Amino acid sequence: MQDLRGERLQIMLTPEELSLIDDFRFAHRMPTRAAAIRELLGLGLAARPVQADGSRSSHYGLFDRGPDGHKPGGEGNQEPG
């Protein structure tokens, strides 16, 4: 069977998230980060079906980013002036 990948997806990851993906990749001897991410997606979708519940995308991060979805002291956490 030919493996067709016609869609490119770009995502932003924190250094911690990238480290977790790399750890998974090396522990499972996977050739690329993309292969590891595809495997993790498959495992996650099989383990927990996604249900539309009105959640925001910021609710799905791996790490707590503080109030309003921003890292404390980060650029997006500044008061309007």
C-alpha atoms as a PDB file:
ATOM      1  CA  MET A   1       0.000   0.000   0.000  1.00  0.00           C
ATOM      2  CA  GLN A   2       1.315   3.397  -0.949  1.00  0.00           C
ATOM      3  CA  ASP A   3       1.540   5.851   1.939  1.00  0.00           C
ATOM      4  CA  LEU A   4       0.276   9.197   0.601  1.00  0.00           C
ATOM      5  CA  ARG A   5       0.788  12.366   2.626  1.00  0.00           C
ATOM      6  CA  GLY A   6      -0.722  15.243   0.715  1.00  0.00           C
ATOM      7  CA  GLU A   7      -1.187  17.735   3.537  1.00  0.00           C
ATOM      8  CA  ARG A   8       1.531  19.569   5.453  1.00  0.00           C
ATOM      9  CA  LEU A   9       0.792  20.585   9.033  1.00  0.00           C
ATOM     10  CA  GLN A  10       2.890  23.070  10.962  1.00  0.00           C
ATOM     11  CA  ILE A  11       2.648  23.369  14.730  1.00  0.00           C
ATOM     12  CA  MET A  12       4.484  25.331  17.381  1.00  0.00           C
ATOM     13  CA  LEU A  13       5.839  23.370  20.351  1.00  0.00           C
ATOM     14  CA  THR A  14       7.413  24.404  23.608  1.00  0.00           C
ATOM     15  CA  PRO A  15      10.917  23.099  24.298  1.00  0.00           C
ATOM     16  CA  GLU A  16       9.389  20.738  26.875  1.00  0.00           C
ATOM     17  CA  GLU A  17       6.892  19.315  24.363  1.00  0.00           C
ATOM     18  CA  LEU A  18       9.623  18.834  21.773  1.00  0.00           C
ATOM     19  CA  SER A  19      11.791  17.077  24.355  1.00  0.00           C
ATOM     20  CA  LEU A  20       8.944  14.658  25.163  1.00  0.00           C
ATOM     21  CA  ILE A  21       8.485  13.875  21.475  1.00  0.00           C
ATOM     22  CA  ASP A  22      12.218  13.297  21.032  1.00  0.00           C
ATOM     23  CA  ASP A  23      12.304  11.047  24.109  1.00  0.00           C
ATOM     24  CA  PHE A  24       9.418   8.987  22.673  1.00  0.00           C
ATOM     25  CA  ARG A  25      11.118   8.879  19.274  1.00  0.00           C
ATOM     26  CA  PHE A  26      14.431   7.596  20.599  1.00  0.00           C
ATOM     27  CA  ALA A  27      12.837   5.147  23.058  1.00  0.00           C
ATOM     28  CA  HIS A  28      10.903   3.580  20.175  1.00  0.00           C
ATOM     29  CA  ARG A  29      13.753   3.858  17.660  1.00  0.00           C
ATOM     30  CA  MET A  30      11.717   5.903  15.214  1.00  0.00           C
ATOM     31  CA  PRO A  31      13.506   7.437  12.228  1.00  0.00           C
ATOM     32  CA  THR A  32      12.065  10.964  12.385  1.00  0.00           C
ATOM     33  CA  ARG A  33      10.127  13.369  14.589  1.00  0.00           C
ATOM     34  CA  ALA A  34       7.326  13.260  12.028  1.00  0.00           C
ATOM     35  CA  ALA A  35       7.053   9.472  12.412  1.00  0.00           C
ATOM     36  CA  ALA A  36       6.968   9.829  16.200  1.00  0.00           C
ATOM     37  CA  ILE A  37       4.262  12.498  16.022  1.00  0.00           C
ATOM     38  CA  ARG A  38       2.144  10.374  13.658  1.00  0.00           C
ATOM     39  CA  GLU A  39       2.482   7.418  16.046  1.00  0.00           C
ATOM     40  CA  LEU A  40       1.552   9.551  19.057  1.00  0.00           C
ATOM     41  CA  LEU A  41      -1.467  10.936  17.197  1.00  0.00           C
ATOM     42  CA  GLY A  42      -2.623   7.422  16.361  1.00  0.00           C
ATOM     43  CA  LEU A  43      -2.178   6.256  19.944  1.00  0.00           C
ATOM     44  CA  GLY A  44      -3.972   9.278  21.348  1.00  0.00           C
ATOM     45  CA  LEU A  45      -6.907   9.046  18.959  1.00  0.00           C
ATOM     46  CA  ALA A  46      -7.317   5.329  19.629  1.00  0.00           C
ATOM     47  CA  ALA A  47      -7.163   5.793  23.401  1.00  0.00           C
ATOM     48  CA  ARG A  48      -9.486   8.765  23.737  1.00  0.00           C
ATOM     49  CA  PRO A  49     -12.016   9.690  21.063  1.00  0.00           C
ATOM     50  CA  VAL A  50     -12.334  13.416  20.517  1.00  0.00           C
ATOM     51  CA  GLN A  51     -15.672  14.997  21.390  1.00  0.00           C
ATOM     52  CA  ALA A  52     -16.649  18.556  20.538  1.00  0.00           C
ATOM     53  CA  ASP A  53     -17.313  20.153  23.913  1.00  0.00           C
ATOM     54  CA  GLY A  54     -16.584  23.830  23.313  1.00  0.00           C
ATOM     55  CA  SER A  55     -13.027  23.650  24.642  1.00  0.00           C
ATOM     56  CA  ARG A  56     -10.472  26.172  23.461  1.00  0.00           C
ATOM     57  CA  SER A  57      -7.253  25.096  21.776  1.00  0.00           C
ATOM     58  CA  SER A  58      -5.296  26.453  24.754  1.00  0.00           C
ATOM     59  CA  HIS A  59      -6.914  23.761  26.924  1.00  0.00           C
ATOM     60  CA  TYR A  60      -4.946  21.067  25.096  1.00  0.00           C
ATOM     61  CA  GLY A  61      -1.357  21.992  25.969  1.00  0.00           C
ATOM     62  CA  LEU A  62       0.842  19.564  27.823  1.00  0.00           C
ATOM     63  CA  PHE A  63       1.993  22.132  30.364  1.00  0.00           C
ATOM     64  CA  ASP A  64       0.206  24.715  32.507  1.00  0.00           C
ATOM     65  CA  ARG A  65       0.749  28.124  30.966  1.00  0.00           C
ATOM     66  CA  GLY A  66      -0.802  30.178  33.749  1.00  0.00           C
ATOM     67  CA  PRO A  67      -3.880  32.395  33.631  1.00  0.00           C
ATOM     68  CA  ASP A  68      -5.254  33.410  30.243  1.00  0.00           C
ATOM     69  CA  GLY A  69      -3.206  30.707  28.519  1.00  0.00           C
ATOM     70  CA  HIS A  70       0.066  32.619  28.649  1.00  0.00           C
ATOM     71  CA  LYS A  71       3.316  31.774  30.351  1.00  0.00           C
ATOM     72  CA  PRO A  72       3.859  34.003  33.374  1.00  0.00           C
ATOM     73  CA  GLY A  73       5.981  36.964  32.347  1.00  0.00           C
ATOM     74  CA  GLY A  74       5.703  36.068  28.655  1.00  0.00           C
ATOM     75  CA  GLU A  75       5.229  38.539  25.830  1.00  0.00           C
ATOM     76  CA  GLY A  76       1.495  37.873  25.557  1.00  0.00           C
ATOM     77  CA  ASN A  77       0.940  38.552  29.267  1.00  0.00           C
ATOM     78  CA  GLN A  78       1.445  42.306  29.230  1.00  0.00           C
ATOM     79  CA  GLU A  79      -1.191  44.808  30.313  1.00  0.00           C
ATOM     80  CA  PRO A  80      -2.453  47.119  27.556  1.00  0.00           C
ATOM     81  CA  GLY A  81      -1.045  50.589  28.008  1.00  0.00           C
END
